[in-house]
Full PDB file with SEQRES, HELIX, SHEET, SSBOND, CRYST1, ORIGX, SCALE, CONECT and MASTER records, all heavy atoms in Angstrom:
SEQRES   1 A   37  LEU ALA PHE PHE THR LYS ILE ARG ASN LEU PHE GLU GLU          
SEQRES   2 A   37  HIS LYS ASP LEU CYS GLN LYS LEU MET SER ASP GLN ASN          
SEQRES   3 A   37  SER ARG TYR VAL MET GLN ARG ALA MET GLU GLU                  
HELIX    1 AA1 ALA A    2  GLU A   12  1                                  11    
HELIX    2 AA2 LYS A   15  SER A   23  1                                   9    
HELIX    3 AA3 GLN A   25  GLU A   36  1                                  12    
CRYST1    1.000    1.000    1.000  90.00  90.00  90.00 P 1           1          
ORIGX1      1.000000  0.000000  0.000000        0.00000                         
ORIGX2      0.000000  1.000000  0.000000        0.00000                         
ORIGX3      0.000000  0.000000  1.000000        0.00000                         
SCALE1      1.000000  0.000000  0.000000        0.00000                         
SCALE2      0.000000  1.000000  0.000000        0.00000                         
SCALE3      0.000000  0.000000  1.000000        0.00000                         
ATOM      1  N   LEU A   1      43.852  67.732 120.098  1.00  0.00           N  
ATOM      2  CA  LEU A   1      42.486  67.934 120.810  1.00  0.00           C  
ATOM      3  C   LEU A   1      42.245  69.411 121.007  1.00  0.00           C  
ATOM      4  O   LEU A   1      41.110  69.903 120.709  1.00  0.00           O  
ATOM      5  CB  LEU A   1      42.460  67.185 122.102  1.00  0.00           C  
ATOM      6  CG  LEU A   1      40.996  67.209 122.763  1.00  0.00           C  
ATOM      7  CD1 LEU A   1      40.000  66.655 121.800  1.00  0.00           C  
ATOM      8  CD2 LEU A   1      41.048  66.402 124.014  1.00  0.00           C  
ATOM      9  N   ALA A   2      43.203  70.128 121.475  1.00  0.00           N  
ATOM     10  CA  ALA A   2      43.008  71.616 121.649  1.00  0.00           C  
ATOM     11  C   ALA A   2      42.697  72.299 120.397  1.00  0.00           C  
ATOM     12  O   ALA A   2      41.878  73.206 120.273  1.00  0.00           O  
ATOM     13  CB  ALA A   2      44.261  72.161 122.394  1.00  0.00           C  
ATOM     14  N   PHE A   3      43.518  71.930 119.302  1.00  0.00           N  
ATOM     15  CA  PHE A   3      43.262  72.617 118.056  1.00  0.00           C  
ATOM     16  C   PHE A   3      41.910  72.358 117.511  1.00  0.00           C  
ATOM     17  O   PHE A   3      41.198  73.299 117.047  1.00  0.00           O  
ATOM     18  CB  PHE A   3      44.320  72.098 117.037  1.00  0.00           C  
ATOM     19  CG  PHE A   3      44.173  72.573 115.670  1.00  0.00           C  
ATOM     20  CD1 PHE A   3      44.557  73.860 115.266  1.00  0.00           C  
ATOM     21  CD2 PHE A   3      43.681  71.731 114.663  1.00  0.00           C  
ATOM     22  CE1 PHE A   3      44.460  74.319 113.984  1.00  0.00           C  
ATOM     23  CE2 PHE A   3      43.485  72.239 113.394  1.00  0.00           C  
ATOM     24  CZ  PHE A   3      43.939  73.478 113.011  1.00  0.00           C  
ATOM     25  N   PHE A   4      41.482  71.055 117.431  1.00  0.00           N  
ATOM     26  CA  PHE A   4      40.192  70.789 116.812  1.00  0.00           C  
ATOM     27  C   PHE A   4      39.013  71.196 117.764  1.00  0.00           C  
ATOM     28  O   PHE A   4      37.934  71.427 117.245  1.00  0.00           O  
ATOM     29  CB  PHE A   4      40.097  69.241 116.473  1.00  0.00           C  
ATOM     30  CG  PHE A   4      40.818  68.970 115.224  1.00  0.00           C  
ATOM     31  CD1 PHE A   4      42.092  68.324 115.297  1.00  0.00           C  
ATOM     32  CD2 PHE A   4      40.282  69.285 113.999  1.00  0.00           C  
ATOM     33  CE1 PHE A   4      42.796  68.045 114.078  1.00  0.00           C  
ATOM     34  CE2 PHE A   4      40.991  69.000 112.754  1.00  0.00           C  
ATOM     35  CZ  PHE A   4      42.177  68.390 112.855  1.00  0.00           C  
ATOM     36  N   THR A   5      39.265  71.277 119.046  1.00  0.00           N  
ATOM     37  CA  THR A   5      38.245  71.864 119.909  1.00  0.00           C  
ATOM     38  C   THR A   5      37.970  73.348 119.571  1.00  0.00           C  
ATOM     39  O   THR A   5      36.954  73.809 119.495  1.00  0.00           O  
ATOM     40  CB  THR A   5      38.632  71.761 121.403  1.00  0.00           C  
ATOM     41  OG1 THR A   5      38.752  70.378 121.678  1.00  0.00           O  
ATOM     42  CG2 THR A   5      37.649  72.386 122.317  1.00  0.00           C  
ATOM     43  N   LYS A   6      39.061  74.021 119.279  1.00  0.00           N  
ATOM     44  CA  LYS A   6      38.995  75.463 118.963  1.00  0.00           C  
ATOM     45  C   LYS A   6      38.358  75.570 117.614  1.00  0.00           C  
ATOM     46  O   LYS A   6      37.412  76.512 117.446  1.00  0.00           O  
ATOM     47  CB  LYS A   6      40.407  76.118 118.907  1.00  0.00           C  
ATOM     48  CG  LYS A   6      40.368  77.546 118.659  1.00  0.00           C  
ATOM     49  CD  LYS A   6      41.778  78.250 118.826  1.00  0.00           C  
ATOM     50  CE  LYS A   6      41.679  79.741 118.757  1.00  0.00           C  
ATOM     51  NZ  LYS A   6      42.981  80.337 119.037  1.00  0.00           N  
ATOM     52  N   ILE A   7      38.683  74.814 116.644  1.00  0.00           N  
ATOM     53  CA  ILE A   7      38.043  74.855 115.348  1.00  0.00           C  
ATOM     54  C   ILE A   7      36.545  74.576 115.467  1.00  0.00           C  
ATOM     55  O   ILE A   7      35.690  75.249 114.980  1.00  0.00           O  
ATOM     56  CB  ILE A   7      38.690  73.834 114.339  1.00  0.00           C  
ATOM     57  CG1 ILE A   7      40.042  74.223 114.063  1.00  0.00           C  
ATOM     58  CG2 ILE A   7      37.877  73.708 113.075  1.00  0.00           C  
ATOM     59  CD1 ILE A   7      40.223  75.524 113.301  1.00  0.00           C  
ATOM     60  N   ARG A   8      36.180  73.499 116.287  1.00  0.00           N  
ATOM     61  CA  ARG A   8      34.816  73.202 116.472  1.00  0.00           C  
ATOM     62  C   ARG A   8      34.026  74.377 117.050  1.00  0.00           C  
ATOM     63  O   ARG A   8      32.898  74.708 116.656  1.00  0.00           O  
ATOM     64  CB  ARG A   8      34.614  71.985 117.407  1.00  0.00           C  
ATOM     65  CG  ARG A   8      33.166  71.609 117.654  1.00  0.00           C  
ATOM     66  CD  ARG A   8      32.993  70.640 118.847  1.00  0.00           C  
ATOM     67  NE  ARG A   8      33.510  71.305 120.061  1.00  0.00           N  
ATOM     68  CZ  ARG A   8      33.673  70.645 121.183  1.00  0.00           C  
ATOM     69  NH1 ARG A   8      33.376  69.410 121.209  1.00  0.00           N  
ATOM     70  NH2 ARG A   8      34.115  71.262 122.197  1.00  0.00           N  
ATOM     71  N   ASN A   9      34.637  75.008 118.106  1.00  0.00           N  
ATOM     72  CA  ASN A   9      34.021  76.124 118.716  1.00  0.00           C  
ATOM     73  C   ASN A   9      33.783  77.317 117.806  1.00  0.00           C  
ATOM     74  O   ASN A   9      32.747  77.998 117.877  1.00  0.00           O  
ATOM     75  CB  ASN A   9      34.800  76.593 119.948  1.00  0.00           C  
ATOM     76  CG  ASN A   9      34.825  75.568 121.069  1.00  0.00           C  
ATOM     77  OD1 ASN A   9      33.970  74.665 121.126  1.00  0.00           O  
ATOM     78  ND2 ASN A   9      35.748  75.657 121.957  1.00  0.00           N  
ATOM     79  N   LEU A  10      34.764  77.478 116.915  1.00  0.00           N  
ATOM     80  CA  LEU A  10      34.643  78.628 115.916  1.00  0.00           C  
ATOM     81  C   LEU A  10      33.444  78.349 114.931  1.00  0.00           C  
ATOM     82  O   LEU A  10      32.694  79.200 114.602  1.00  0.00           O  
ATOM     83  CB  LEU A  10      35.886  78.826 115.112  1.00  0.00           C  
ATOM     84  CG  LEU A  10      37.091  79.418 115.826  1.00  0.00           C  
ATOM     85  CD1 LEU A  10      38.374  79.308 115.005  1.00  0.00           C  
ATOM     86  CD2 LEU A  10      36.790  80.822 116.234  1.00  0.00           C  
ATOM     87  N   PHE A  11      33.249  77.059 114.612  1.00  0.00           N  
ATOM     88  CA  PHE A  11      32.215  76.685 113.636  1.00  0.00           C  
ATOM     89  C   PHE A  11      30.867  76.572 114.422  1.00  0.00           C  
ATOM     90  O   PHE A  11      29.805  76.809 113.828  1.00  0.00           O  
ATOM     91  CB  PHE A  11      32.570  75.323 112.880  1.00  0.00           C  
ATOM     92  CG  PHE A  11      33.311  75.472 111.687  1.00  0.00           C  
ATOM     93  CD1 PHE A  11      34.721  75.689 111.760  1.00  0.00           C  
ATOM     94  CD2 PHE A  11      32.772  75.478 110.436  1.00  0.00           C  
ATOM     95  CE1 PHE A  11      35.495  75.801 110.631  1.00  0.00           C  
ATOM     96  CE2 PHE A  11      33.434  75.585 109.292  1.00  0.00           C  
ATOM     97  CZ  PHE A  11      34.873  75.769 109.394  1.00  0.00           C  
ATOM     98  N   GLU A  12      30.940  76.215 115.673  1.00  0.00           N  
ATOM     99  CA  GLU A  12      29.758  76.081 116.470  1.00  0.00           C  
ATOM    100  C   GLU A  12      28.922  77.368 116.555  1.00  0.00           C  
ATOM    101  O   GLU A  12      27.701  77.283 116.633  1.00  0.00           O  
ATOM    102  CB  GLU A  12      30.120  75.642 117.926  1.00  0.00           C  
ATOM    103  CG  GLU A  12      28.938  75.120 118.736  1.00  0.00           C  
ATOM    104  CD  GLU A  12      28.449  73.785 118.270  1.00  0.00           C  
ATOM    105  OE1 GLU A  12      29.274  72.909 117.988  1.00  0.00           O  
ATOM    106  OE2 GLU A  12      27.165  73.630 118.222  1.00  0.00           O  
ATOM    107  N   GLU A  13      29.625  78.485 116.526  1.00  0.00           N  
ATOM    108  CA  GLU A  13      28.967  79.816 116.465  1.00  0.00           C  
ATOM    109  C   GLU A  13      27.947  79.941 115.355  1.00  0.00           C  
ATOM    110  O   GLU A  13      26.974  80.686 115.406  1.00  0.00           O  
ATOM    111  CB  GLU A  13      29.947  80.883 116.475  1.00  0.00           C  
ATOM    112  CG  GLU A  13      30.911  80.969 117.685  1.00  0.00           C  
ATOM    113  CD  GLU A  13      31.953  82.013 117.500  1.00  0.00           C  
ATOM    114  OE1 GLU A  13      31.780  82.940 116.672  1.00  0.00           O  
ATOM    115  OE2 GLU A  13      32.997  81.933 118.152  1.00  0.00           O  
ATOM    116  N   HIS A  14      28.224  79.205 114.223  1.00  0.00           N  
ATOM    117  CA  HIS A  14      27.435  79.368 113.035  1.00  0.00           C  
ATOM    118  C   HIS A  14      27.036  77.932 112.526  1.00  0.00           C  
ATOM    119  O   HIS A  14      26.994  77.664 111.294  1.00  0.00           O  
ATOM    120  CB  HIS A  14      28.205  80.090 111.935  1.00  0.00           C  
ATOM    121  CG  HIS A  14      28.696  81.394 112.403  1.00  0.00           C  
ATOM    122  ND1 HIS A  14      27.853  82.526 112.695  1.00  0.00           N  
ATOM    123  CD2 HIS A  14      30.003  81.882 112.690  1.00  0.00           C  
ATOM    124  CE1 HIS A  14      28.600  83.518 113.088  1.00  0.00           C  
ATOM    125  NE2 HIS A  14      29.863  83.165 113.060  1.00  0.00           N  
ATOM    126  N   LYS A  15      26.782  77.010 113.477  1.00  0.00           N  
ATOM    127  CA  LYS A  15      26.524  75.640 113.088  1.00  0.00           C  
ATOM    128  C   LYS A  15      25.392  75.441 112.098  1.00  0.00           C  
ATOM    129  O   LYS A  15      25.511  74.802 111.054  1.00  0.00           O  
ATOM    130  CB  LYS A  15      26.270  74.774 114.326  1.00  0.00           C  
ATOM    131  CG  LYS A  15      26.056  73.276 114.025  1.00  0.00           C  
ATOM    132  CD  LYS A  15      26.009  72.453 115.212  1.00  0.00           C  
ATOM    133  CE  LYS A  15      25.979  70.980 114.900  1.00  0.00           C  
ATOM    134  NZ  LYS A  15      25.999  70.135 116.097  1.00  0.00           N  
ATOM    135  N   ASP A  16      24.240  76.087 112.390  1.00  0.00           N  
ATOM    136  CA  ASP A  16      23.094  75.942 111.485  1.00  0.00           C  
ATOM    137  C   ASP A  16      23.377  76.482 110.155  1.00  0.00           C  
ATOM    138  O   ASP A  16      22.945  75.922 109.158  1.00  0.00           O  
ATOM    139  CB  ASP A  16      21.831  76.701 112.068  1.00  0.00           C  
ATOM    140  CG  ASP A  16      21.374  76.001 113.450  1.00  0.00           C  
ATOM    141  OD1 ASP A  16      21.670  74.835 113.557  1.00  0.00           O  
ATOM    142  OD2 ASP A  16      20.602  76.681 114.111  1.00  0.00           O  
ATOM    143  N   LEU A  17      24.090  77.593 110.078  1.00  0.00           N  
ATOM    144  CA  LEU A  17      24.464  78.208 108.789  1.00  0.00           C  
ATOM    145  C   LEU A  17      25.356  77.323 107.979  1.00  0.00           C  
ATOM    146  O   LEU A  17      25.168  77.047 106.834  1.00  0.00           O  
ATOM    147  CB  LEU A  17      25.127  79.550 108.968  1.00  0.00           C  
ATOM    148  CG  LEU A  17      25.640  80.312 107.793  1.00  0.00           C  
ATOM    149  CD1 LEU A  17      24.481  80.595 106.831  1.00  0.00           C  
ATOM    150  CD2 LEU A  17      26.423  81.549 108.145  1.00  0.00           C  
ATOM    151  N   CYS A  18      26.395  76.738 108.660  1.00  0.00           N  
ATOM    152  CA  CYS A  18      27.322  75.800 108.007  1.00  0.00           C  
ATOM    153  C   CYS A  18      26.642  74.592 107.441  1.00  0.00           C  
ATOM    154  O   CYS A  18      26.826  74.136 106.322  1.00  0.00           O  
ATOM    155  CB  CYS A  18      28.422  75.315 108.963  1.00  0.00           C  
ATOM    156  SG  CYS A  18      29.636  76.577 109.440  1.00  0.00           S  
ATOM    157  N   GLN A  19      25.646  74.055 108.233  1.00  0.00           N  
ATOM    158  CA  GLN A  19      24.894  72.886 107.784  1.00  0.00           C  
ATOM    159  C   GLN A  19      23.999  73.198 106.611  1.00  0.00           C  
ATOM    160  O   GLN A  19      23.914  72.423 105.671  1.00  0.00           O  
ATOM    161  CB  GLN A  19      24.091  72.276 108.929  1.00  0.00           C  
ATOM    162  CG  GLN A  19      24.889  71.731 110.034  1.00  0.00           C  
ATOM    163  CD  GLN A  19      24.059  71.262 111.246  1.00  0.00           C  
ATOM    164  OE1 GLN A  19      23.034  71.880 111.544  1.00  0.00           O  
ATOM    165  NE2 GLN A  19      24.461  70.165 111.916  1.00  0.00           N  
ATOM    166  N   LYS A  20      23.415  74.375 106.679  1.00  0.00           N  
ATOM    167  CA  LYS A  20      22.543  74.775 105.572  1.00  0.00           C  
ATOM    168  C   LYS A  20      23.357  75.007 104.230  1.00  0.00           C  
ATOM    169  O   LYS A  20      22.928  74.549 103.181  1.00  0.00           O  
ATOM    170  CB  LYS A  20      21.843  76.070 105.882  1.00  0.00           C  
ATOM    171  CG  LYS A  20      20.774  76.477 104.954  1.00  0.00           C  
ATOM    172  CD  LYS A  20      19.897  77.645 105.471  1.00  0.00           C  
ATOM    173  CE  LYS A  20      19.009  77.089 106.576  1.00  0.00           C  
ATOM    174  NZ  LYS A  20      17.978  78.077 107.066  1.00  0.00           N  
ATOM    175  N   LEU A  21      24.549  75.627 104.423  1.00  0.00           N  
ATOM    176  CA  LEU A  21      25.349  75.862 103.181  1.00  0.00           C  
ATOM    177  C   LEU A  21      25.864  74.547 102.606  1.00  0.00           C  
ATOM    178  O   LEU A  21      26.022  74.394 101.414  1.00  0.00           O  
ATOM    179  CB  LEU A  21      26.515  76.827 103.578  1.00  0.00           C  
ATOM    180  CG  LEU A  21      26.151  78.241 103.789  1.00  0.00           C  
ATOM    181  CD1 LEU A  21      27.368  79.067 104.212  1.00  0.00           C  
ATOM    182  CD2 LEU A  21      25.503  78.954 102.583  1.00  0.00           C  
ATOM    183  N   MET A  22      26.206  73.645 103.521  1.00  0.00           N  
ATOM    184  CA  MET A  22      26.741  72.345 103.106  1.00  0.00           C  
ATOM    185  C   MET A  22      25.630  71.498 102.391  1.00  0.00           C  
ATOM    186  O   MET A  22      25.982  70.728 101.496  1.00  0.00           O  
ATOM    187  CB  MET A  22      27.253  71.565 104.273  1.00  0.00           C  
ATOM    188  CG  MET A  22      28.638  72.087 104.779  1.00  0.00           C  
ATOM    189  SD  MET A  22      29.992  71.738 103.591  1.00  0.00           S  
ATOM    190  CE  MET A  22      30.063  69.912 103.744  1.00  0.00           C  
ATOM    191  N   SER A  23      24.419  71.721 102.784  1.00  0.00           N  
ATOM    192  CA  SER A  23      23.349  70.859 102.199  1.00  0.00           C  
ATOM    193  C   SER A  23      22.808  71.425 100.869  1.00  0.00           C  
ATOM    194  O   SER A  23      22.098  70.716 100.156  1.00  0.00           O  
ATOM    195  CB  SER A  23      22.187  70.697 103.175  1.00  0.00           C  
ATOM    196  OG  SER A  23      21.617  71.984 103.477  1.00  0.00           O  
ATOM    197  N   ASP A  24      23.121  72.674 100.557  1.00  0.00           N  
ATOM    198  CA  ASP A  24      22.660  73.280  99.352  1.00  0.00           C  
ATOM    199  C   ASP A  24      23.738  73.126  98.255  1.00  0.00           C  
ATOM    200  O   ASP A  24      24.883  73.569  98.419  1.00  0.00           O  
ATOM    201  CB  ASP A  24      22.354  74.767  99.576  1.00  0.00           C  
ATOM    202  CG  ASP A  24      21.675  75.487  98.386  1.00  0.00           C  
ATOM    203  OD1 ASP A  24      22.366  75.607  97.386  1.00  0.00           O  
ATOM    204  OD2 ASP A  24      20.522  75.868  98.544  1.00  0.00           O  
ATOM    205  N   GLN A  25      23.345  72.534  97.106  1.00  0.00           N  
ATOM    206  CA  GLN A  25      24.288  72.237  96.142  1.00  0.00           C  
ATOM    207  C   GLN A  25      25.082  73.494  95.569  1.00  0.00           C  
ATOM    208  O   GLN A  25      26.285  73.493  95.337  1.00  0.00           O  
ATOM    209  CB  GLN A  25      23.676  71.482  94.887  1.00  0.00           C  
ATOM    210  CG  GLN A  25      24.671  71.034  93.884  1.00  0.00           C  
ATOM    211  CD  GLN A  25      23.992  70.170  92.803  1.00  0.00           C  
ATOM    212  OE1 GLN A  25      22.714  69.910  92.886  1.00  0.00           O  
ATOM    213  NE2 GLN A  25      24.713  69.688  91.841  1.00  0.00           N  
ATOM    214  N   ASN A  26      24.309  74.584  95.272  1.00  0.00           N  
ATOM    215  CA  ASN A  26      24.832  75.767  94.823  1.00  0.00           C  
ATOM    216  C   ASN A  26      25.841  76.416  95.741  1.00  0.00           C  
ATOM    217  O   ASN A  26      26.979  76.817  95.387  1.00  0.00           O  
ATOM    218  CB  ASN A  26      23.777  76.761  94.410  1.00  0.00           C  
ATOM    219  CG  ASN A  26      22.926  76.357  93.260  1.00  0.00           C  
ATOM    220  OD1 ASN A  26      23.445  75.596  92.412  1.00  0.00           O  
ATOM    221  ND2 ASN A  26      21.718  76.748  93.221  1.00  0.00           N  
ATOM    222  N   SER A  27      25.442  76.580  97.023  1.00  0.00           N  
ATOM    223  CA  SER A  27      26.300  77.156  98.065  1.00  0.00           C  
ATOM    224  C   SER A  27      27.521  76.271  98.375  1.00  0.00           C  
ATOM    225  O   SER A  27      28.584  76.760  98.647  1.00  0.00           O  
ATOM    226  CB  SER A  27      25.541  77.530  99.301  1.00  0.00           C  
ATOM    227  OG  SER A  27      24.993  76.364  99.882  1.00  0.00           O  
ATOM    228  N   ARG A  28      27.304  74.978  98.304  1.00  0.00           N  
ATOM    229  CA  ARG A  28      28.344  74.046  98.584  1.00  0.00           C  
ATOM    230  C   ARG A  28      29.522  74.178  97.591  1.00  0.00           C  
ATOM    231  O   ARG A  28      30.716  74.077  97.956  1.00  0.00           O  
ATOM    232  CB  ARG A  28      27.898  72.589  98.566  1.00  0.00           C  
ATOM    233  CG  ARG A  28      28.904  71.563  99.000  1.00  0.00           C  
ATOM    234  CD  ARG A  28      28.370  70.227  99.392  1.00  0.00           C  
ATOM    235  NE  ARG A  28      29.333  69.324  99.879  1.00  0.00           N  
ATOM    236  CZ  ARG A  28      29.071  68.339 100.763  1.00  0.00           C  
ATOM    237  NH1 ARG A  28      27.862  68.180 101.132  1.00  0.00           N  
ATOM    238  NH2 ARG A  28      30.059  67.556 101.113  1.00  0.00           N  
ATOM    239  N   TYR A  29      29.173  74.474  96.326  1.00  0.00           N  
ATOM    240  CA  TYR A  29      30.160  74.665  95.319  1.00  0.00           C  
ATOM    241  C   TYR A  29      31.010  75.880  95.624  1.00  0.00           C  
ATOM    242  O   TYR A  29      32.259  75.865  95.564  1.00  0.00           O  
ATOM    243  CB  TYR A  29      29.430  74.835  93.931  1.00  0.00           C  
ATOM    244  CG  TYR A  29      30.412  75.302  92.871  1.00  0.00           C  
ATOM    245  CD1 TYR A  29      31.331  74.440  92.329  1.00  0.00           C  
ATOM    246  CD2 TYR A  29      30.330  76.572  92.258  1.00  0.00           C  
ATOM    247  CE1 TYR A  29      32.280  74.906  91.283  1.00  0.00           C  
ATOM    248  CE2 TYR A  29      31.159  77.050  91.371  1.00  0.00           C  
ATOM    249  CZ  TYR A  29      32.126  76.134  90.834  1.00  0.00           C  
ATOM    250  OH  TYR A  29      32.996  76.669  89.866  1.00  0.00           O  
ATOM    251  N   VAL A  30      30.315  76.974  95.975  1.00  0.00           N  
ATOM    252  CA  VAL A  30      31.057  78.196  96.351  1.00  0.00           C  
ATOM    253  C   VAL A  30      31.891  77.975  97.599  1.00  0.00           C  
ATOM    254  O   VAL A  30      33.042  78.512  97.730  1.00  0.00           O  
ATOM    255  CB  VAL A  30      30.123  79.375  96.540  1.00  0.00           C  
ATOM    256  CG1 VAL A  30      30.820  80.662  96.846  1.00  0.00           C  
ATOM    257  CG2 VAL A  30      29.279  79.595  95.209  1.00  0.00           C  
ATOM    258  N   MET A  31      31.309  77.311  98.536  1.00  0.00           N  
ATOM    259  CA  MET A  31      31.978  77.015  99.774  1.00  0.00           C  
ATOM    260  C   MET A  31      33.314  76.206  99.518  1.00  0.00           C  
ATOM    261  O   MET A  31      34.329  76.460 100.144  1.00  0.00           O  
ATOM    262  CB  MET A  31      31.036  76.144 100.728  1.00  0.00           C  
ATOM    263  CG  MET A  31      31.424  76.091 102.154  1.00  0.00           C  
ATOM    264  SD  MET A  31      30.156  75.342 103.160  1.00  0.00           S  
ATOM    265  CE  MET A  31      30.765  75.707 104.778  1.00  0.00           C  
ATOM    266  N   GLN A  32      33.266  75.249  98.628  1.00  0.00           N  
ATOM    267  CA  GLN A  32      34.425  74.513  98.240  1.00  0.00           C  
ATOM    268  C   GLN A  32      35.531  75.401  97.629  1.00  0.00           C  
ATOM    269  O   GLN A  32      36.651  75.283  97.951  1.00  0.00           O  
ATOM    270  CB  GLN A  32      34.078  73.424  97.215  1.00  0.00           C  
ATOM    271  CG  GLN A  32      35.186  72.450  96.899  1.00  0.00           C  
ATOM    272  CD  GLN A  32      35.775  71.705  98.119  1.00  0.00           C  
ATOM    273  OE1 GLN A  32      34.987  71.178  98.940  1.00  0.00           O  
ATOM    274  NE2 GLN A  32      37.012  71.586  98.134  1.00  0.00           N  
ATOM    275  N   ARG A  33      35.059  76.281  96.747  1.00  0.00           N  
ATOM    276  CA  ARG A  33      36.023  77.241  96.125  1.00  0.00           C  
ATOM    277  C   ARG A  33      36.687  78.102  97.137  1.00  0.00           C  
ATOM    278  O   ARG A  33      37.921  78.376  97.134  1.00  0.00           O  
ATOM    279  CB  ARG A  33      35.308  78.065  95.093  1.00  0.00           C  
ATOM    280  CG  ARG A  33      35.010  77.412  93.804  1.00  0.00           C  
ATOM    281  CD  ARG A  33      34.279  78.316  92.918  1.00  0.00           C  
ATOM    282  NE  ARG A  33      34.822  79.571  92.705  1.00  0.00           N  
ATOM    283  CZ  ARG A  33      34.187  80.732  92.818  1.00  0.00           C  
ATOM    284  NH1 ARG A  33      32.873  80.733  92.980  1.00  0.00           N  
ATOM    285  NH2 ARG A  33      34.807  81.897  92.640  1.00  0.00           N  
ATOM    286  N   ALA A  34      35.936  78.564  98.174  1.00  0.00           N  
ATOM    287  CA  ALA A  34      36.418  79.411  99.219  1.00  0.00           C  
ATOM    288  C   ALA A  34      37.413  78.635 100.128  1.00  0.00           C  
ATOM    289  O   ALA A  34      38.432  79.175 100.555  1.00  0.00           O  
ATOM    290  CB  ALA A  34      35.338  79.888 100.144  1.00  0.00           C  
ATOM    291  N   MET A  35      37.145  77.379 100.353  1.00  0.00           N  
ATOM    292  CA  MET A  35      38.062  76.488 101.083  1.00  0.00           C  
ATOM    293  C   MET A  35      39.339  76.363 100.391  1.00  0.00           C  
ATOM    294  O   MET A  35      40.462  76.416 101.004  1.00  0.00           O  
ATOM    295  CB  MET A  35      37.418  75.147 101.327  1.00  0.00           C  
ATOM    296  CG  MET A  35      36.381  75.027 102.277  1.00  0.00           C  
ATOM    297  SD  MET A  35      35.695  73.353 102.377  1.00  0.00           S  
ATOM    298  CE  MET A  35      34.091  73.660 103.122  1.00  0.00           C  
ATOM    299  N   GLU A  36      39.314  76.188  99.048  1.00  0.00           N  
ATOM    300  CA  GLU A  36      40.541  76.058  98.242  1.00  0.00           C  
ATOM    301  C   GLU A  36      41.291  77.316  98.284  1.00  0.00           C  
ATOM    302  O   GLU A  36      42.547  77.248  98.390  1.00  0.00           O  
ATOM    303  CB  GLU A  36      40.175  75.604  96.859  1.00  0.00           C  
ATOM    304  CG  GLU A  36      39.578  74.207  96.735  1.00  0.00           C  
ATOM    305  CD  GLU A  36      39.095  73.893  95.342  1.00  0.00           C  
ATOM    306  OE1 GLU A  36      39.169  74.752  94.455  1.00  0.00           O  
ATOM    307  OE2 GLU A  36      38.556  72.772  95.131  1.00  0.00           O  
ATOM    308  N   GLU A  37      40.645  78.472  98.255  1.00  0.00           N  
ATOM    309  CA  GLU A  37      41.323  79.723  98.337  1.00  0.00           C  
ATOM    310  C   GLU A  37      42.040  79.861  99.675  1.00  0.00           C  
ATOM    311  O   GLU A  37      43.240  80.358  99.766  1.00  0.00           O  
ATOM    312  CB  GLU A  37      40.395  80.938  98.153  1.00  0.00           C  
ATOM    313  CG  GLU A  37      40.920  82.299  98.317  1.00  0.00           C  
ATOM    314  CD  GLU A  37      41.860  82.701  97.206  1.00  0.00           C  
ATOM    315  OE1 GLU A  37      41.874  82.060  96.215  1.00  0.00           O  
ATOM    316  OE2 GLU A  37      42.502  83.760  97.423  1.00  0.00           O  
TER     317      GLU A  37                                                      
MASTER        0    0    0    3    0    0    0    6  316    1    0    3          
END                                                                             
């Protein structure tokens, strides 16, 4: 719980941005590559 609360808080700072990148097909592809890296 402590770990995922911290992760959520880190992403919460840029929630709108994360949601926008996840919903755009082109940026989602790059986002996936960055995750793999």
